[in-house]
Amino acid sequence: MANGLSGPFIDSVGTRVGYACCMLWWSVAAMLFMGLSGWLIGRFGYTPVFIGYGIMPLIALAIVLFLIGPLRPAGRNEYESANTQGI
């Protein structure tokens, strides 16, 4: 999902500046996340933080499924059917 945002940005500003900005953003976001983690641990303890980190993948899955909709098997095309028959 992030590549869909950073790719056009890198294309518009150039590779060197684009990657530098993306690294800067990633570093700042990581520092903020660690700062928030430390604050939460200091204020509430480790248990709520571990529960929150355990729920994050489920929240991410819900967001992805909400954005792309239910997953369905892809239909077979000519290449796949010919390839499975050994042609």
Protein backbone atom coordinates (compact mmCIF):
# COMPACT_ATOMS: atom_id res chain seq x y z
CA MET A 1 0.00 0.00 0.00
CA ALA A 2 2.84 2.36 0.80
CA ASN A 3 4.43 1.72 -2.59
CA GLY A 4 1.30 3.06 -4.22
CA LEU A 5 1.93 6.34 -2.41
CA SER A 6 5.70 6.54 -2.51
CA GLY A 7 6.13 5.37 -6.11
CA PRO A 8 4.39 8.33 -7.77
CA PHE A 9 6.09 10.69 -5.31
CA ILE A 10 9.54 9.31 -6.19
CA ASP A 11 8.70 9.54 -9.90
CA SER A 12 7.64 13.18 -9.56
CA VAL A 13 10.61 14.50 -7.52
CA GLY A 14 13.38 12.22 -8.76
CA THR A 15 15.01 9.13 -7.37
CA ARG A 16 17.62 10.71 -5.11
CA VAL A 17 15.31 13.27 -3.48
CA GLY A 18 12.36 10.84 -3.40
CA TYR A 19 14.26 8.09 -1.60
CA ALA A 20 15.79 10.62 0.81
CA CYS A 21 12.33 11.94 1.69
CA CYS A 22 10.94 8.43 2.10
CA MET A 23 13.83 7.44 4.39
CA LEU A 24 13.33 10.61 6.41
CA TRP A 25 9.60 9.93 6.75
CA TRP A 26 10.22 6.28 7.71
CA SER A 27 12.79 7.30 10.33
CA VAL A 28 10.55 9.95 11.88
CA ALA A 29 7.58 7.57 11.93
CA ALA A 30 9.71 4.88 13.62
CA MET A 31 10.93 7.35 16.25
CA LEU A 32 7.38 8.50 16.96
CA PHE A 33 6.17 4.91 17.21
CA MET A 34 8.93 3.99 19.66
CA GLY A 35 8.25 7.14 21.66
CA LEU A 36 4.58 6.28 21.84
CA SER A 37 5.43 2.73 22.88
CA GLY A 38 7.68 3.99 25.66
CA TRP A 39 5.04 6.43 26.88
CA LEU A 40 2.36 3.72 26.88
CA ILE A 41 4.61 1.30 28.76
CA GLY A 42 5.53 3.97 31.29
CA ARG A 43 1.92 4.97 31.84
CA PHE A 44 0.01 1.66 31.62
CA GLY A 45 2.61 -1.16 31.75
CA TYR A 46 3.54 -3.85 29.28
CA THR A 47 0.27 -5.80 29.10
CA PRO A 48 -1.84 -3.23 27.19
CA VAL A 49 1.05 -2.57 24.82
CA PHE A 50 1.48 -6.28 24.04
CA ILE A 51 -2.26 -6.64 23.53
CA GLY A 52 -2.25 -3.64 21.21
CA TYR A 53 0.68 -4.99 19.22
CA GLY A 54 -1.04 -8.37 19.00
CA ILE A 55 -4.22 -6.78 17.62
CA MET A 56 -2.39 -4.69 14.99
CA PRO A 57 -2.16 -7.48 12.37
CA LEU A 58 -5.89 -8.13 12.75
CA ILE A 59 -6.64 -4.44 12.29
CA ALA A 60 -4.41 -4.37 9.20
CA LEU A 61 -6.21 -7.41 7.78
CA ALA A 62 -9.59 -5.78 8.38
CA ILE A 63 -8.45 -2.59 6.63
CA VAL A 64 -7.09 -4.52 3.64
CA LEU A 65 -10.25 -6.60 3.32
CA PHE A 66 -12.37 -3.47 3.62
CA LEU A 67 -10.38 -1.71 0.90
CA ILE A 68 -10.17 -4.56 -1.61
CA GLY A 69 -13.34 -6.43 -0.74
CA PRO A 70 -13.78 -10.17 -0.34
CA LEU A 71 -11.16 -12.40 -1.90
CA ARG A 72 -12.33 -14.60 -4.75
CA PRO A 73 -10.38 -17.14 -6.79
CA ALA A 74 -9.21 -15.76 -10.08
CA GLY A 75 -10.71 -17.14 -13.26
CA ARG A 76 -8.56 -19.34 -15.43
CA ASN A 77 -7.22 -17.92 -18.65
CA GLU A 78 -5.90 -19.62 -21.79
CA TYR A 79 -2.29 -19.60 -20.66
CA GLU A 80 -3.02 -21.26 -17.33
CA SER A 81 -5.18 -24.00 -18.83
CA ALA A 82 -2.66 -24.70 -21.61
CA ASN A 83 0.22 -24.64 -19.14
CA THR A 84 -1.42 -27.17 -16.81
CA GLN A 85 -2.03 -29.55 -19.73
CA GLY A 86 1.66 -29.57 -20.57
CA ILE A 87 1.32 -27.71 -23.86
